[in-house]
Amino acid sequence: MSKFKSFYSFFSYLLLISAGLLLDQISKLWSVAELKPIRTMVILKNVLSLTYRENTGAAFSILEGHTEFLTVITIIVTVLILFIVVSGKIKNSIAEYSLLFIAIGGIGNCIDRIFTGRVVDMFEFTFINFAVFNVADIFVTCGSVLFIAIFIVTKGDIFRWN
């Protein structure tokens, strides 16, 4: 096996990242155009609403107002994840894609922080007291849960260290 992934693998990664970022950015643009003026749109009463929020922090507004710090950390972690995936250090393709999901979410929110100084959130579960979130957050969460599950199932045998 070559040291780095094949062109086919690299192209599939690029396609997935592009599609994920497009979905994330279009949903945020739509939220700014359509939700911002009305603030909330009920989808399922007492279950799910689309609610416009701006967040200058991380998840649950942690580190609110520290946009520069969050941007730098996100760039470092995302570059590290992409390097690990592209360099062929992951044995399991599901683990590779879970890391790509985390990278997509990181990049999506980082784009917002760089260009607007805030992240647009829109999904709100109204049946519980939970943070409003966006598509990028969904990618990070799903990728993280999937990676942890694969790590547990494989008993930590995910990385190729040679």
Protein backbone atom coordinates (compact mmCIF):
# COMPACT_ATOMS: atom_id res chain seq x y z
CA MET A 1 0.00 0.00 0.00
CA SER A 2 1.34 3.44 -0.85
CA LYS A 3 2.18 5.91 1.85
CA PHE A 4 -0.69 8.20 0.83
CA LYS A 5 -4.21 7.38 -0.30
CA SER A 6 -5.01 6.78 -3.95
CA PHE A 7 -6.36 9.49 -6.19
CA TYR A 8 -9.77 7.76 -6.10
CA SER A 9 -9.87 7.88 -2.29
CA PHE A 10 -8.67 11.47 -2.24
CA PHE A 11 -11.33 12.44 -4.81
CA SER A 12 -14.09 10.71 -2.81
CA TYR A 13 -12.95 12.58 0.32
CA LEU A 14 -12.95 15.87 -1.55
CA LEU A 15 -16.43 15.16 -2.92
CA LEU A 16 -17.80 14.31 0.55
CA ILE A 17 -16.22 17.40 2.12
CA SER A 18 -17.56 19.63 -0.67
CA ALA A 19 -21.09 18.21 -0.41
CA GLY A 20 -21.10 18.53 3.38
CA LEU A 21 -19.84 22.10 3.28
CA LEU A 22 -22.34 23.02 0.59
CA LEU A 23 -25.20 21.63 2.69
CA ASP A 24 -23.94 23.47 5.77
CA GLN A 25 -23.38 26.82 4.08
CA ILE A 26 -26.65 26.76 2.12
CA SER A 27 -28.61 26.02 5.31
CA LYS A 28 -26.90 28.96 7.04
CA LEU A 29 -27.50 31.32 4.11
CA TRP A 30 -31.16 30.25 4.07
CA SER A 31 -31.38 30.84 7.82
CA VAL A 32 -30.00 34.36 7.51
CA ALA A 33 -32.36 35.19 4.64
CA GLU A 34 -35.53 33.48 5.85
CA LEU A 35 -35.28 32.82 9.59
CA LYS A 36 -33.51 35.93 10.81
CA PRO A 37 -36.48 38.22 10.02
CA ILE A 38 -39.04 35.92 11.68
CA ARG A 39 -36.72 34.35 14.33
CA THR A 40 -38.59 31.00 14.64
CA MET A 41 -40.47 28.60 12.39
CA VAL A 42 -42.27 25.73 14.09
CA ILE A 43 -41.78 22.42 12.27
CA LEU A 44 -43.33 20.01 14.80
CA LYS A 45 -45.14 21.75 17.64
CA ASN A 46 -43.40 21.18 20.99
CA VAL A 47 -40.75 19.02 19.27
CA LEU A 48 -38.70 20.85 16.62
CA SER A 49 -38.39 24.44 15.48
CA LEU A 50 -36.05 26.30 13.19
CA THR A 51 -34.79 29.18 15.30
CA TYR A 52 -32.27 31.77 14.15
CA ARG A 53 -29.35 32.20 16.56
CA GLU A 54 -25.88 33.66 16.27
CA ASN A 55 -23.14 32.08 18.37
CA THR A 56 -19.68 33.60 18.94
CA GLY A 57 -18.59 30.63 21.05
CA ALA A 58 -18.34 26.88 20.63
CA ALA A 59 -20.97 24.27 21.52
CA PHE A 60 -23.46 25.53 24.12
CA SER A 61 -21.82 28.99 23.76
CA ILE A 62 -18.69 27.78 25.59
CA LEU A 63 -15.85 30.31 25.14
CA GLU A 64 -18.31 32.90 23.87
CA GLY A 65 -16.49 35.86 22.36
CA HIS A 66 -13.22 33.96 21.82
CA THR A 67 -13.67 33.61 18.07
CA GLU A 68 -9.98 33.95 17.20
CA PHE A 69 -8.94 31.22 19.65
CA LEU A 70 -11.69 28.87 18.43
CA THR A 71 -10.70 29.54 14.81
CA VAL A 72 -7.04 28.69 15.42
CA ILE A 73 -7.86 25.52 17.39
CA THR A 74 -10.35 24.41 14.73
CA ILE A 75 -7.81 24.93 11.93
CA ILE A 76 -5.12 22.96 13.80
CA VAL A 77 -7.44 20.05 14.63
CA THR A 78 -8.93 19.95 11.13
CA VAL A 79 -5.52 19.96 9.42
CA LEU A 80 -4.37 17.17 11.74
CA ILE A 81 -7.50 15.09 11.01
CA LEU A 82 -7.14 15.57 7.25
CA PHE A 83 -3.44 14.65 7.37
CA ILE A 84 -4.17 11.47 9.34
CA VAL A 85 -6.89 10.41 6.90
CA VAL A 86 -5.02 11.26 3.69
CA SER A 87 -1.74 9.72 4.89
CA GLY A 88 -3.39 6.30 5.30
CA LYS A 89 -2.96 6.09 9.08
CA ILE A 90 -6.50 4.76 9.62
CA LYS A 91 -7.15 1.04 9.09
CA ASN A 92 -10.93 1.26 8.99
CA SER A 93 -12.78 3.13 6.23
CA ILE A 94 -15.74 3.87 8.52
CA ALA A 95 -13.34 5.50 10.97
CA GLU A 96 -11.88 7.52 8.08
CA TYR A 97 -15.29 8.82 7.10
CA SER A 98 -16.21 9.56 10.71
CA LEU A 99 -13.09 11.74 10.95
CA LEU A 100 -14.02 13.41 7.67
CA PHE A 101 -17.44 14.22 9.14
CA ILE A 102 -15.72 15.89 12.10
CA ALA A 103 -13.51 17.85 9.68
CA ILE A 104 -16.54 18.94 7.61
CA GLY A 105 -18.23 20.33 10.71
CA GLY A 106 -15.07 22.05 11.84
CA ILE A 107 -14.49 23.64 8.45
CA GLY A 108 -18.14 24.71 8.13
CA ASN A 109 -18.16 26.55 11.44
CA CYS A 110 -14.64 27.88 10.88
CA ILE A 111 -15.74 29.47 7.60
CA ASP A 112 -18.44 31.34 9.53
CA ARG A 113 -16.04 32.46 12.25
CA ILE A 114 -13.47 33.72 9.74
CA PHE A 115 -15.90 35.61 7.51
CA THR A 116 -18.57 36.80 9.96
CA GLY A 117 -17.12 36.38 13.46
CA ARG A 118 -20.04 34.16 14.49
CA VAL A 119 -21.73 30.86 13.69
CA VAL A 120 -25.36 30.69 12.58
CA ASP A 121 -27.44 28.02 14.34
CA MET A 122 -30.99 27.02 13.47
CA PHE A 123 -32.16 23.61 14.74
CA GLU A 124 -33.92 23.68 18.10
CA PHE A 125 -35.43 20.74 19.93
CA THR A 126 -38.25 22.35 21.86
CA PHE A 127 -39.24 19.28 23.90
CA ILE A 128 -36.01 19.57 25.93
CA ASN A 129 -33.76 22.39 27.04
CA PHE A 130 -30.95 21.90 24.51
CA ALA A 131 -28.65 24.18 22.54
CA VAL A 132 -29.66 25.42 19.10
CA PHE A 133 -27.33 23.85 16.52
CA ASN A 134 -26.54 23.70 12.80
CA VAL A 135 -25.59 21.23 10.05
CA ALA A 136 -21.87 21.53 10.85
CA ASP A 137 -22.61 20.60 14.47
CA ILE A 138 -24.53 17.55 13.25
CA PHE A 139 -21.50 16.45 11.22
CA VAL A 140 -19.17 16.87 14.22
CA THR A 141 -21.54 15.03 16.56
CA CYS A 142 -22.30 12.14 14.20
CA GLY A 143 -18.63 11.80 13.25
CA SER A 144 -17.56 11.78 16.90
CA VAL A 145 -20.16 9.21 17.97
CA LEU A 146 -19.31 6.99 15.00
CA PHE A 147 -15.56 7.24 15.65
CA ILE A 148 -16.01 6.36 19.33
CA ALA A 149 -18.23 3.40 18.39
CA ILE A 150 -15.66 2.10 15.88
CA PHE A 151 -12.90 2.63 18.42
CA ILE A 152 -14.82 0.54 20.98
CA VAL A 153 -15.76 -2.20 18.51
CA THR A 154 -12.18 -2.54 17.24
CA LYS A 155 -10.79 -2.31 20.78
CA GLY A 156 -8.72 0.68 19.73
CA ASP A 157 -7.13 -1.03 16.75
CA ILE A 158 -7.81 1.81 14.30
CA PHE A 159 -4.46 3.41 13.61
CA ARG A 160 -1.65 2.20 11.36
CA TRP A 161 1.60 3.39 12.98
CA ASN A 162 4.25 2.14 10.55
